[in-house]
Amino acid sequence: MTEQRSVRRYGLALPVIIRMLSDKKSALRTGKTRDLSTNGVYFTVNQKLSPGAEIHITLTMPSEVSRGSDVSIRARGRVVRVDKKPAVSSSRVGVAAVIERFEIIRTKPAIV
């Protein structure tokens, strides 16, 4: 199989908060990233999402990863694939989402 990604993905297990764009009052879903890039993210979550669903993604990259201060990332994206539960005993599903736009917010000035 040929690699089709145009940008590098980083294997990072970070807490992630997901909100459905179609329902502003919907409950927030929490999960954990498996990998991410500027174009997409793969995460696991307890509640199933539907392919095509528009989502808001919020996560924080700790200072150890960002090489400075903690960095919050807010992104808007769309679910492109939902994988079946990885293990019989797990209630989590894997979700691949394309990131359509994102915003980076530093919590305090970076020291260079």
PDB file of N, CA and C in Angstrom:
ATOM      1  N   MET A   1       0.843  -1.177   0.000  1.00  0.00           N
ATOM      2  CA  MET A   1       0.000   0.000   0.000  1.00  0.00           C
ATOM      3  C   MET A   1       0.892   1.244   0.000  1.00  0.00           C
ATOM      4  N   THR A   2       0.565   2.205  -0.794  1.00  0.00           N
ATOM      5  CA  THR A   2       1.329   3.438  -0.925  1.00  0.00           C
ATOM      6  C   THR A   2       0.833   4.478   0.068  1.00  0.00           C
ATOM      7  N   GLU A   3       1.776   5.171   0.720  1.00  0.00           N
ATOM      8  CA  GLU A   3       1.437   6.249   1.651  1.00  0.00           C
ATOM      9  C   GLU A   3       0.841   7.415   0.876  1.00  0.00           C
ATOM     10  N   GLN A   4      -0.345   7.890   1.288  1.00  0.00           N
ATOM     11  CA  GLN A   4      -1.017   8.967   0.574  1.00  0.00           C
ATOM     12  C   GLN A   4      -1.048  10.280   1.351  1.00  0.00           C
ATOM     13  N   ARG A   5      -0.522  10.278   2.569  1.00  0.00           N
ATOM     14  CA  ARG A   5      -0.542  11.512   3.359  1.00  0.00           C
ATOM     15  C   ARG A   5       0.451  12.513   2.803  1.00  0.00           C
ATOM     16  N   SER A   6       0.025  13.775   2.763  1.00  0.00           N
ATOM     17  CA  SER A   6       0.894  14.815   2.219  1.00  0.00           C
ATOM     18  C   SER A   6       1.678  15.551   3.304  1.00  0.00           C
ATOM     19  N   VAL A   7       1.288  15.392   4.564  1.00  0.00           N
ATOM     20  CA  VAL A   7       2.016  16.008   5.669  1.00  0.00           C
ATOM     21  C   VAL A   7       2.301  14.961   6.735  1.00  0.00           C
ATOM     22  N   ARG A   8       3.294  15.216   7.533  1.00  0.00           N
ATOM     23  CA  ARG A   8       3.704  14.261   8.557  1.00  0.00           C
ATOM     24  C   ARG A   8       2.695  14.196   9.693  1.00  0.00           C
ATOM     25  N   ARG A   9       2.447  13.002  10.161  1.00  0.00           N
ATOM     26  CA  ARG A   9       1.601  12.784  11.334  1.00  0.00           C
ATOM     27  C   ARG A   9       2.494  12.527  12.531  1.00  0.00           C
ATOM     28  N   TYR A  10       2.038  12.990  13.693  1.00  0.00           N
ATOM     29  CA  TYR A  10       2.781  12.818  14.930  1.00  0.00           C
ATOM     30  C   TYR A  10       1.978  11.938  15.879  1.00  0.00           C
ATOM     31  N   GLY A  11       2.599  10.890  16.366  1.00  0.00           N
ATOM     32  CA  GLY A  11       1.944   9.993  17.309  1.00  0.00           C
ATOM     33  C   GLY A  11       1.901  10.613  18.690  1.00  0.00           C
ATOM     34  N   LEU A  12       0.783  11.192  19.039  1.00  0.00           N
ATOM     35  CA  LEU A  12       0.618  11.854  20.336  1.00  0.00           C
ATOM     36  C   LEU A  12      -0.679  11.397  20.983  1.00  0.00           C
ATOM     37  N   ALA A  13      -0.591  10.952  22.220  1.00  0.00           N
ATOM     38  CA  ALA A  13      -1.780  10.565  22.980  1.00  0.00           C
ATOM     39  C   ALA A  13      -2.142  11.722  23.906  1.00  0.00           C
ATOM     40  N   LEU A  14      -3.047  12.568  23.446  1.00  0.00           N
ATOM     41  CA  LEU A  14      -3.453  13.759  24.193  1.00  0.00           C
ATOM     42  C   LEU A  14      -4.960  13.734  24.433  1.00  0.00           C
ATOM     43  N   PRO A  15      -5.425  14.240  25.573  1.00  0.00           N
ATOM     44  CA  PRO A  15      -6.867  14.351  25.784  1.00  0.00           C
ATOM     45  C   PRO A  15      -7.470  15.293  24.743  1.00  0.00           C
ATOM     46  N   VAL A  16      -8.650  14.946  24.266  1.00  0.00           N
ATOM     47  CA  VAL A  16      -9.321  15.759  23.253  1.00  0.00           C
ATOM     48  C   VAL A  16     -10.795  15.902  23.631  1.00  0.00           C
ATOM     49  N   ILE A  17     -11.355  17.080  23.345  1.00  0.00           N
ATOM     50  CA  ILE A  17     -12.775  17.337  23.575  1.00  0.00           C
ATOM     51  C   ILE A  17     -13.419  17.543  22.215  1.00  0.00           C
ATOM     52  N   ILE A  18     -14.528  16.856  21.974  1.00  0.00           N
ATOM     53  CA  ILE A  18     -15.240  16.911  20.697  1.00  0.00           C
ATOM     54  C   ILE A  18     -16.642  17.466  20.924  1.00  0.00           C
ATOM     55  N   ARG A  19     -17.048  18.374  20.053  1.00  0.00           N
ATOM     56  CA  ARG A  19     -18.427  18.893  20.070  1.00  0.00           C
ATOM     57  C   ARG A  19     -18.970  18.831  18.660  1.00  0.00           C
ATOM     58  N   MET A  20     -20.178  18.358  18.525  1.00  0.00           N
ATOM     59  CA  MET A  20     -20.835  18.287  17.228  1.00  0.00           C
ATOM     60  C   MET A  20     -21.279  19.684  16.813  1.00  0.00           C
ATOM     61  N   LEU A  21     -20.982  20.090  15.586  1.00  0.00           N
ATOM     62  CA  LEU A  21     -21.377  21.413  15.103  1.00  0.00           C
ATOM     63  C   LEU A  21     -22.865  21.499  14.813  1.00  0.00           C
ATOM     64  N   SER A  22     -23.479  20.378  14.488  1.00  0.00           N
ATOM     65  CA  SER A  22     -24.897  20.383  14.127  1.00  0.00           C
ATOM     66  C   SER A  22     -25.797  20.631  15.327  1.00  0.00           C
ATOM     67  N   ASP A  23     -25.283  20.441  16.532  1.00  0.00           N
ATOM     68  CA  ASP A  23     -26.097  20.599  17.729  1.00  0.00           C
ATOM     69  C   ASP A  23     -25.304  21.366  18.781  1.00  0.00           C
ATOM     70  N   LYS A  24     -25.514  22.684  18.850  1.00  0.00           N
ATOM     71  CA  LYS A  24     -24.763  23.548  19.774  1.00  0.00           C
ATOM     72  C   LYS A  24     -24.968  23.150  21.235  1.00  0.00           C
ATOM     73  N   LYS A  25     -26.088  22.496  21.546  1.00  0.00           N
ATOM     74  CA  LYS A  25     -26.385  22.112  22.926  1.00  0.00           C
ATOM     75  C   LYS A  25     -25.987  20.669  23.229  1.00  0.00           C
ATOM     76  N   SER A  26     -25.348  20.009  22.289  1.00  0.00           N
ATOM     77  CA  SER A  26     -24.993  18.605  22.501  1.00  0.00           C
ATOM     78  C   SER A  26     -23.933  18.475  23.588  1.00  0.00           C
ATOM     79  N   ALA A  27     -23.939  17.335  24.232  1.00  0.00           N
ATOM     80  CA  ALA A  27     -22.950  17.057  25.267  1.00  0.00           C
ATOM     81  C   ALA A  27     -21.568  16.939  24.633  1.00  0.00           C
ATOM     82  N   LEU A  28     -20.584  17.370  25.371  1.00  0.00           N
ATOM     83  CA  LEU A  28     -19.211  17.243  24.895  1.00  0.00           C
ATOM     84  C   LEU A  28     -18.783  15.788  25.006  1.00  0.00           C
ATOM     85  N   ARG A  29     -18.011  15.359  24.048  1.00  0.00           N
ATOM     86  CA  ARG A  29     -17.454  14.019  24.067  1.00  0.00           C
ATOM     87  C   ARG A  29     -15.965  14.154  24.360  1.00  0.00           C
ATOM     88  N   THR A  30     -15.445  13.259  25.152  1.00  0.00           N
ATOM     89  CA  THR A  30     -14.020  13.298  25.442  1.00  0.00           C
ATOM     90  C   THR A  30     -13.357  12.052  24.892  1.00  0.00           C
ATOM     91  N   GLY A  31     -12.129  12.199  24.498  1.00  0.00           N
ATOM     92  CA  GLY A  31     -11.392  11.076  23.957  1.00  0.00           C
ATOM     93  C   GLY A  31      -9.904  11.296  24.086  1.00  0.00           C
ATOM     94  N   LYS A  32      -9.158  10.561  23.288  1.00  0.00           N
ATOM     95  CA  LYS A  32      -7.709  10.665  23.308  1.00  0.00           C
ATOM     96  C   LYS A  32      -7.191  10.533  21.885  1.00  0.00           C
ATOM     97  N   THR A  33      -6.287  11.433  21.520  1.00  0.00           N
ATOM     98  CA  THR A  33      -5.707  11.356  20.182  1.00  0.00           C
ATOM     99  C   THR A  33      -4.759  10.168  20.093  1.00  0.00           C
ATOM    100  N   ARG A  34      -4.619   9.642  18.893  1.00  0.00           N
ATOM    101  CA  ARG A  34      -3.598   8.627  18.626  1.00  0.00           C
ATOM    102  C   ARG A  34      -2.501   9.240  17.772  1.00  0.00           C
ATOM    103  N   ASP A  35      -2.913  10.031  16.785  1.00  0.00           N
ATOM    104  CA  ASP A  35      -1.951  10.794  15.988  1.00  0.00           C
ATOM    105  C   ASP A  35      -2.647  12.006  15.395  1.00  0.00           C
ATOM    106  N   LEU A  36      -1.820  13.016  15.047  1.00  0.00           N
ATOM    107  CA  LEU A  36      -2.397  14.213  14.458  1.00  0.00           C
ATOM    108  C   LEU A  36      -1.391  14.906  13.557  1.00  0.00           C
ATOM    109  N   SER A  37      -1.941  15.727  12.664  1.00  0.00           N
ATOM    110  CA  SER A  37      -1.147  16.554  11.760  1.00  0.00           C
ATOM    111  C   SER A  37      -1.924  17.846  11.552  1.00  0.00           C
ATOM    112  N   THR A  38      -1.396  18.725  10.710  1.00  0.00           N
ATOM    113  CA  THR A  38      -2.131  19.960  10.422  1.00  0.00           C
ATOM    114  C   THR A  38      -3.364  19.690   9.560  1.00  0.00           C
ATOM    115  N   ASN A  39      -3.419  18.525   8.934  1.00  0.00           N
ATOM    116  CA  ASN A  39      -4.555  18.201   8.058  1.00  0.00           C
ATOM    117  C   ASN A  39      -5.575  17.258   8.677  1.00  0.00           C
ATOM    118  N   GLY A  40      -5.207  16.550   9.736  1.00  0.00           N
ATOM    119  CA  GLY A  40      -6.136  15.573  10.272  1.00  0.00           C
ATOM    120  C   GLY A  40      -5.749  15.065  11.635  1.00  0.00           C
ATOM    121  N   VAL A  41      -6.665  14.308  12.225  1.00  0.00           N
ATOM    122  CA  VAL A  41      -6.457  13.734  13.548  1.00  0.00           C
ATOM    123  C   VAL A  41      -7.162  12.383  13.609  1.00  0.00           C
ATOM    124  N   TYR A  42      -6.562  11.471  14.349  1.00  0.00           N
ATOM    125  CA  TYR A  42      -7.205  10.188  14.642  1.00  0.00           C
ATOM    126  C   TYR A  42      -7.313  10.115  16.152  1.00  0.00           C
ATOM    127  N   PHE A  43      -8.520   9.852  16.648  1.00  0.00           N
ATOM    128  CA  PHE A  43      -8.729   9.784  18.089  1.00  0.00           C
ATOM    129  C   PHE A  43      -9.697   8.669  18.423  1.00  0.00           C
ATOM    130  N   THR A  44      -9.689   8.272  19.693  1.00  0.00           N
ATOM    131  CA  THR A  44     -10.653   7.292  20.167  1.00  0.00           C
ATOM    132  C   THR A  44     -11.626   7.999  21.096  1.00  0.00           C
ATOM    133  N   VAL A  45     -12.857   7.533  21.072  1.00  0.00           N
ATOM    134  CA  VAL A  45     -13.922   8.161  21.853  1.00  0.00           C
ATOM    135  C   VAL A  45     -14.942   7.077  22.206  1.00  0.00           C
ATOM    136  N   ASN A  46     -15.680   7.257  23.308  1.00  0.00           N
ATOM    137  CA  ASN A  46     -16.671   6.260  23.728  1.00  0.00           C
ATOM    138  C   ASN A  46     -17.936   6.290  22.879  1.00  0.00           C
ATOM    139  N   GLN A  47     -18.364   7.466  22.447  1.00  0.00           N
ATOM    140  CA  GLN A  47     -19.602   7.588  21.691  1.00  0.00           C
ATOM    141  C   GLN A  47     -19.297   7.548  20.202  1.00  0.00           C
ATOM    142  N   LYS A  48     -20.118   6.828  19.476  1.00  0.00           N
ATOM    143  CA  LYS A  48     -19.925   6.716  18.035  1.00  0.00           C
ATOM    144  C   LYS A  48     -20.281   8.029  17.341  1.00  0.00           C
ATOM    145  N   LEU A  49     -19.465   8.395  16.365  1.00  0.00           N
ATOM    146  CA  LEU A  49     -19.733   9.547  15.514  1.00  0.00           C
ATOM    147  C   LEU A  49     -20.021   9.038  14.111  1.00  0.00           C
ATOM    148  N   SER A  50     -20.694   9.827  13.321  1.00  0.00           N
ATOM    149  CA  SER A  50     -21.051   9.411  11.966  1.00  0.00           C
ATOM    150  C   SER A  50     -20.120  10.044  10.939  1.00  0.00           C
ATOM    151  N   PRO A  51     -19.715   9.285   9.929  1.00  0.00           N
ATOM    152  CA  PRO A  51     -18.923   9.879   8.848  1.00  0.00           C
ATOM    153  C   PRO A  51     -19.681  11.054   8.235  1.00  0.00           C
ATOM    154  N   GLY A  52     -18.952  12.137   7.971  1.00  0.00           N
ATOM    155  CA  GLY A  52     -19.559  13.340   7.420  1.00  0.00           C
ATOM    156  C   GLY A  52     -19.946  14.357   8.478  1.00  0.00           C
ATOM    157  N   ALA A  53     -20.008  13.932   9.750  1.00  0.00           N
ATOM    158  CA  ALA A  53     -20.389  14.855  10.823  1.00  0.00           C
ATOM    159  C   ALA A  53     -19.349  15.957  10.970  1.00  0.00           C
ATOM    160  N   GLU A  54     -19.816  17.202  11.131  1.00  0.00           N
ATOM    161  CA  GLU A  54     -18.922  18.326  11.366  1.00  0.00           C
ATOM    162  C   GLU A  54     -18.687  18.447  12.862  1.00  0.00           C
ATOM    163  N   ILE A  55     -17.419  18.647  13.250  1.00  0.00           N
ATOM    164  CA  ILE A  55     -17.060  18.651  14.662  1.00  0.00           C
ATOM    165  C   ILE A  55     -16.117  19.803  14.998  1.00  0.00           C
ATOM    166  N   HIS A  56     -16.153  20.208  16.257  1.00  0.00           N
ATOM    167  CA  HIS A  56     -15.159  21.108  16.843  1.00  0.00           C
ATOM    168  C   HIS A  56     -14.259  20.235  17.698  1.00  0.00           C
ATOM    169  N   ILE A  57     -12.969  20.439  17.598  1.00  0.00           N
ATOM    170  CA  ILE A  57     -11.987  19.661  18.329  1.00  0.00           C
ATOM    171  C   ILE A  57     -11.173  20.636  19.181  1.00  0.00           C
ATOM    172  N   THR A  58     -10.990  20.323  20.448  1.00  0.00           N
ATOM    173  CA  THR A  58     -10.161  21.139  21.330  1.00  0.00           C
ATOM    174  C   THR A  58      -9.177  20.221  22.035  1.00  0.00           C
ATOM    175  N   LEU A  59      -7.896  20.598  21.987  1.00  0.00           N
ATOM    176  CA  LEU A  59      -6.886  19.835  22.704  1.00  0.00           C
ATOM    177  C   LEU A  59      -5.781  20.762  23.152  1.00  0.00           C
ATOM    178  N   THR A  60      -5.004  20.311  24.113  1.00  0.00           N
ATOM    179  CA  THR A  60      -3.878  21.103  24.615  1.00  0.00           C
ATOM    180  C   THR A  60      -2.602  20.305  24.463  1.00  0.00           C
ATOM    181  N   MET A  61      -1.630  20.928  23.817  1.00  0.00           N
ATOM    182  CA  MET A  61      -0.315  20.318  23.694  1.00  0.00           C
ATOM    183  C   MET A  61       0.521  20.819  24.863  1.00  0.00           C
ATOM    184  N   PRO A  62       1.025  19.915  25.694  1.00  0.00           N
ATOM    185  CA  PRO A  62       1.818  20.347  26.851  1.00  0.00           C
ATOM    186  C   PRO A  62       3.141  20.961  26.431  1.00  0.00           C
ATOM    187  N   SER A  63       3.728  21.705  27.335  1.00  0.00           N
ATOM    188  CA  SER A  63       4.970  22.420  27.038  1.00  0.00           C
ATOM    189  C   SER A  63       6.098  21.484  26.612  1.00  0.00           C
ATOM    190  N   GLU A  64       6.089  20.247  27.070  1.00  0.00           N
ATOM    191  CA  GLU A  64       7.122  19.284  26.666  1.00  0.00           C
ATOM    192  C   GLU A  64       7.057  19.000  25.166  1.00  0.00           C
ATOM    193  N   VAL A  65       5.873  19.062  24.605  1.00  0.00           N
ATOM    194  CA  VAL A  65       5.688  18.806  23.175  1.00  0.00           C
ATOM    195  C   VAL A  65       5.899  20.086  22.370  1.00  0.00           C
ATOM    196  N   SER A  66       5.358  21.208  22.867  1.00  0.00           N
ATOM    197  CA  SER A  66       5.409  22.459  22.113  1.00  0.00           C
ATOM    198  C   SER A  66       6.726  23.211  22.292  1.00  0.00           C
ATOM    199  N   ARG A  67       7.570  22.745  23.201  1.00  0.00           N
ATOM    200  CA  ARG A  67       8.872  23.369  23.466  1.00  0.00           C
ATOM    201  C   ARG A  67       8.744  24.827  23.899  1.00  0.00           C
ATOM    202  N   GLY A  68       7.845  25.072  24.772  1.00  0.00           N
ATOM    203  CA  GLY A  68       7.613  26.420  25.289  1.00  0.00           C
ATOM    204  C   GLY A  68       6.525  26.334  26.325  1.00  0.00           C
ATOM    205  N   SER A  69       5.448  27.059  26.099  1.00  0.00           N
ATOM    206  CA  SER A  69       4.302  27.013  27.002  1.00  0.00           C
ATOM    207  C   SER A  69       3.270  26.028  26.460  1.00  0.00           C
ATOM    208  N   ASP A  70       2.289  25.706  27.313  1.00  0.00           N
ATOM    209  CA  ASP A  70       1.184  24.884  26.847  1.00  0.00           C
ATOM    210  C   ASP A  70       0.502  25.606  25.690  1.00  0.00           C
ATOM    211  N   VAL A  71       0.059  24.841  24.697  1.00  0.00           N
ATOM    212  CA  VAL A  71      -0.589  25.412  23.519  1.00  0.00           C
ATOM    213  C   VAL A  71      -1.949  24.751  23.343  1.00  0.00           C
ATOM    214  N   SER A  72      -2.997  25.567  23.306  1.00  0.00           N
ATOM    215  CA  SER A  72      -4.340  25.046  23.034  1.00  0.00           C
ATOM    216  C   SER A  72      -4.585  25.107  21.537  1.00  0.00           C
ATOM    217  N   ILE A  73      -5.208  24.073  21.034  1.00  0.00           N
ATOM    218  CA  ILE A  73      -5.563  24.028  19.616  1.00  0.00           C
ATOM    219  C   ILE A  73      -7.059  23.830  19.520  1.00  0.00           C
ATOM    220  N   ARG A  74      -7.686  24.736  18.798  1.00  0.00           N
ATOM    221  CA  ARG A  74      -9.115  24.619  18.488  1.00  0.00           C
ATOM    222  C   ARG A  74      -9.227  24.407  16.994  1.00  0.00           C
ATOM    223  N   ALA A  75      -9.947  23.381  16.625  1.00  0.00           N
ATOM    224  CA  ALA A  75     -10.049  23.060  15.204  1.00  0.00           C
ATOM    225  C   ALA A  75     -11.494  22.747  14.836  1.00  0.00           C
ATOM    226  N   ARG A  76     -11.757  22.951  13.561  1.00  0.00           N
ATOM    227  CA  ARG A  76     -13.052  22.571  12.990  1.00  0.00           C
ATOM    228  C   ARG A  76     -12.746  21.525  11.939  1.00  0.00           C
ATOM    229  N   GLY A  77     -13.508  20.453  11.944  1.00  0.00           N
ATOM    230  CA  GLY A  77     -13.238  19.379  11.004  1.00  0.00           C
ATOM    231  C   GLY A  77     -14.465  18.567  10.666  1.00  0.00           C
ATOM    232  N   ARG A  78     -14.197  17.480   9.991  1.00  0.00           N
ATOM    233  CA  ARG A  78     -15.271  16.597   9.534  1.00  0.00           C
ATOM    234  C   ARG A  78     -14.813  15.151   9.682  1.00  0.00           C
ATOM    235  N   VAL A  79     -15.687  14.314  10.220  1.00  0.00           N
ATOM    236  CA  VAL A  79     -15.389  12.895  10.387  1.00  0.00           C
ATOM    237  C   VAL A  79     -15.349  12.237   9.008  1.00  0.00           C
ATOM    238  N   VAL A  80     -14.261  11.526   8.715  1.00  0.00           N
ATOM    239  CA  VAL A  80     -14.158  10.837   7.429  1.00  0.00           C
ATOM    240  C   VAL A  80     -14.247   9.324   7.574  1.00  0.00           C
ATOM    241  N   ARG A  81     -13.947   8.814   8.777  1.00  0.00           N
ATOM    242  CA  ARG A  81     -14.011   7.358   8.975  1.00  0.00           C
ATOM    243  C   ARG A  81     -14.223   7.046  10.447  1.00  0.00           C
ATOM    244  N   VAL A  82     -15.024   6.022  10.707  1.00  0.00           N
ATOM    245  CA  VAL A  82     -15.220   5.526  12.063  1.00  0.00           C
ATOM    246  C   VAL A  82     -14.872   4.048  12.047  1.00  0.00           C
ATOM    247  N   ASP A  83     -13.880   3.671  12.849  1.00  0.00           N
ATOM    248  CA  ASP A  83     -13.445   2.282  12.921  1.00  0.00           C
ATOM    249  C   ASP A  83     -14.209   1.557  14.015  1.00  0.00           C
ATOM    250  N   LYS A  84     -14.373   0.263  13.828  1.00  0.00           N
ATOM    251  CA  LYS A  84     -15.039  -0.545  14.846  1.00  0.00           C
ATOM    252  C   LYS A  84     -14.217  -0.553  16.114  1.00  0.00           C
ATOM    253  N   LYS A  85     -14.845  -0.986  17.182  1.00  0.00           N
ATOM    254  CA  LYS A  85     -14.162  -1.058  18.467  1.00  0.00           C
ATOM    255  C   LYS A  85     -12.888  -1.880  18.326  1.00  0.00           C
ATOM    256  N   PRO A  86     -11.760  -1.362  18.832  1.00  0.00           N
ATOM    257  CA  PRO A  86     -10.492  -2.060  18.677  1.00  0.00           C
ATOM    258  C   PRO A  86     -10.410  -3.373  19.457  1.00  0.00           C
ATOM    259  N   ALA A  87     -11.153  -3.504  20.547  1.00  0.00           N
ATOM    260  CA  ALA A  87     -11.126  -4.730  21.343  1.00  0.00           C
ATOM    261  C   ALA A  87     -12.541  -5.035  21.826  1.00  0.00           C
ATOM    262  N   VAL A  88     -12.832  -6.306  21.994  1.00  0.00           N
ATOM    263  CA  VAL A  88     -14.168  -6.718  22.410  1.00  0.00           C
ATOM    264  C   VAL A  88     -14.547  -6.089  23.747  1.00  0.00           C
ATOM    265  N   SER A  89     -13.599  -5.975  24.658  1.00  0.00           N
ATOM    266  CA  SER A  89     -13.893  -5.438  25.989  1.00  0.00           C
ATOM    267  C   SER A  89     -13.910  -3.907  26.030  1.00  0.00           C
ATOM    268  N   SER A  90     -13.610  -3.262  24.933  1.00  0.00           N
ATOM    269  CA  SER A  90     -13.546  -1.799  24.903  1.00  0.00           C
ATOM    270  C   SER A  90     -14.824  -1.199  24.331  1.00  0.00           C
ATOM    271  N   SER A  91     -15.228  -0.062  24.900  1.00  0.00           N
ATOM    272  CA  SER A  91     -16.391   0.654  24.367  1.00  0.00           C
ATOM    273  C   SER A  91     -15.956   1.796  23.453  1.00  0.00           C
ATOM    274  N   ARG A  92     -14.661   1.949  23.253  1.00  0.00           N
ATOM    275  CA  ARG A  92     -14.127   3.054  22.449  1.00  0.00           C
ATOM    276  C   ARG A  92     -14.127   2.698  20.964  1.00  0.00           C
ATOM    277  N   VAL A  93     -14.339   3.724  20.134  1.00  0.00           N
ATOM    278  CA  VAL A  93     -14.241   3.568  18.684  1.00  0.00           C
ATOM    279  C   VAL A  93     -13.169   4.531  18.183  1.00  0.00           C
ATOM    280  N   GLY A  94     -12.551   4.201  17.074  1.00  0.00           N
ATOM    281  CA  GLY A  94     -11.553   5.066  16.466  1.00  0.00           C
ATOM    282  C   GLY A  94     -12.205   5.964  15.432  1.00  0.00           C
ATOM    283  N   VAL A  95     -11.786   7.220  15.407  1.00  0.00           N
ATOM    284  CA  VAL A  95     -12.370   8.199  14.492  1.00  0.00           C
ATOM    285  C   VAL A  95     -11.250   8.937  13.763  1.00  0.00           C
ATOM    286  N   ALA A  96     -11.344   8.963  12.443  1.00  0.00           N
ATOM    287  CA  ALA A  96     -10.419   9.756  11.629  1.00  0.00           C
ATOM    288  C   ALA A  96     -11.187  10.978  11.150  1.00  0.00           C
ATOM    289  N   ALA A  97     -10.578  12.150  11.344  1.00  0.00           N
ATOM    290  CA  ALA A  97     -11.234  13.399  10.939  1.00  0.00           C
ATOM    291  C   ALA A  97     -10.256  14.265  10.169  1.00  0.00           C
ATOM    292  N   VAL A  98     -10.759  14.932   9.155  1.00  0.00           N
ATOM    293  CA  VAL A  98      -9.967  15.903   8.418  1.00  0.00           C
ATOM    294  C   VAL A  98     -10.143  17.254   9.116  1.00  0.00           C
ATOM    295  N   ILE A  99      -9.054  17.985   9.257  1.00  0.00           N
ATOM    296  CA  ILE A  99      -9.115  19.313   9.869  1.00  0.00           C
ATOM    297  C   ILE A  99      -9.252  20.341   8.756  1.00  0.00           C
ATOM    298  N   GLU A 100     -10.321  21.122   8.816  1.00  0.00           N
ATOM    299  CA  GLU A 100     -10.579  22.122   7.783  1.00  0.00           C
ATOM    300  C   GLU A 100      -9.984  23.477   8.135  1.00  0.00           C
ATOM    301  N   ARG A 101      -9.925  23.783   9.427  1.00  0.00           N
ATOM    302  CA  ARG A 101      -9.219  24.987   9.865  1.00  0.00           C
ATOM    303  C   ARG A 101      -8.920  24.842  11.348  1.00  0.00           C
ATOM    304  N   PHE A 102      -7.864  25.544  11.787  1.00  0.00           N
ATOM    305  CA  PHE A 102      -7.495  25.458  13.193  1.00  0.00           C
ATOM    306  C   PHE A 102      -6.912  26.771  13.677  1.00  0.00           C
ATOM    307  N   GLU A 103      -6.907  26.919  14.987  1.00  0.00           N
ATOM    308  CA  GLU A 103      -6.391  28.117  15.648  1.00  0.00           C
ATOM    309  C   GLU A 103      -5.495  27.651  16.793  1.00  0.00           C
ATOM    310  N   ILE A 104      -4.322  28.264  16.911  1.00  0.00           N
ATOM    311  CA  ILE A 104      -3.376  27.925  17.970  1.00  0.00           C
ATOM    312  C   ILE A 104      -3.372  29.058  18.981  1.00  0.00           C
ATOM    313  N   ILE A 105      -3.511  28.716  20.267  1.00  0.00           N
ATOM    314  CA  ILE A 105      -3.573  29.714  21.323  1.00  0.00           C
ATOM    315  C   ILE A 105      -2.532  29.360  22.376  1.00  0.00           C
ATOM    316  N   ARG A 106      -1.540  30.214  22.519  1.00  0.00           N
ATOM    317  CA  ARG A 106      -0.522  30.011  23.566  1.00  0.00           C
ATOM    318  C   ARG A 106      -1.052  30.546  24.878  1.00  0.00           C
ATOM    319  N   THR A 107      -0.862  29.775  25.946  1.00  0.00           N
ATOM    320  CA  THR A 107      -1.368  30.188  27.248  1.00  0.00           C
ATOM    321  C   THR A 107      -0.475  31.227  27.919  1.00  0.00           C
ATOM    322  N   LYS A 108       0.818  31.234  27.583  1.00  0.00           N
ATOM    323  CA  LYS A 108       1.724  32.276  28.052  1.00  0.00           C
ATOM    324  C   LYS A 108       2.832  32.419  27.026  1.00  0.00           C
ATOM    325  N   PRO A 109       3.523  33.534  26.998  1.00  0.00           N
ATOM    326  CA  PRO A 109       4.544  33.749  25.981  1.00  0.00           C
ATOM    327  C   PRO A 109       5.616  32.680  25.981  1.00  0.00           C
ATOM    328  N   ALA A 110       6.020  32.256  24.812  1.00  0.00           N
ATOM    329  CA  ALA A 110       7.098  31.281  24.681  1.00  0.00           C
ATOM    330  C   ALA A 110       8.429  31.957  24.944  1.00  0.00           C
ATOM    331  N   ILE A 111       9.315  31.245  25.613  1.00  0.00           N
ATOM    332  CA  ILE A 111      10.661  31.750  25.876  1.00  0.00           C
ATOM    333  C   ILE A 111      11.573  31.145  24.824  1.00  0.00           C
ATOM    334  N   VAL A 112      12.269  31.996  24.105  1.00  0.00           N
ATOM    335  CA  VAL A 112      13.127  31.523  23.018  1.00  0.00           C
ATOM    336  C   VAL A 112      14.574  31.600  23.416  1.00  0.00           C
TER     337      VAL A 112
END
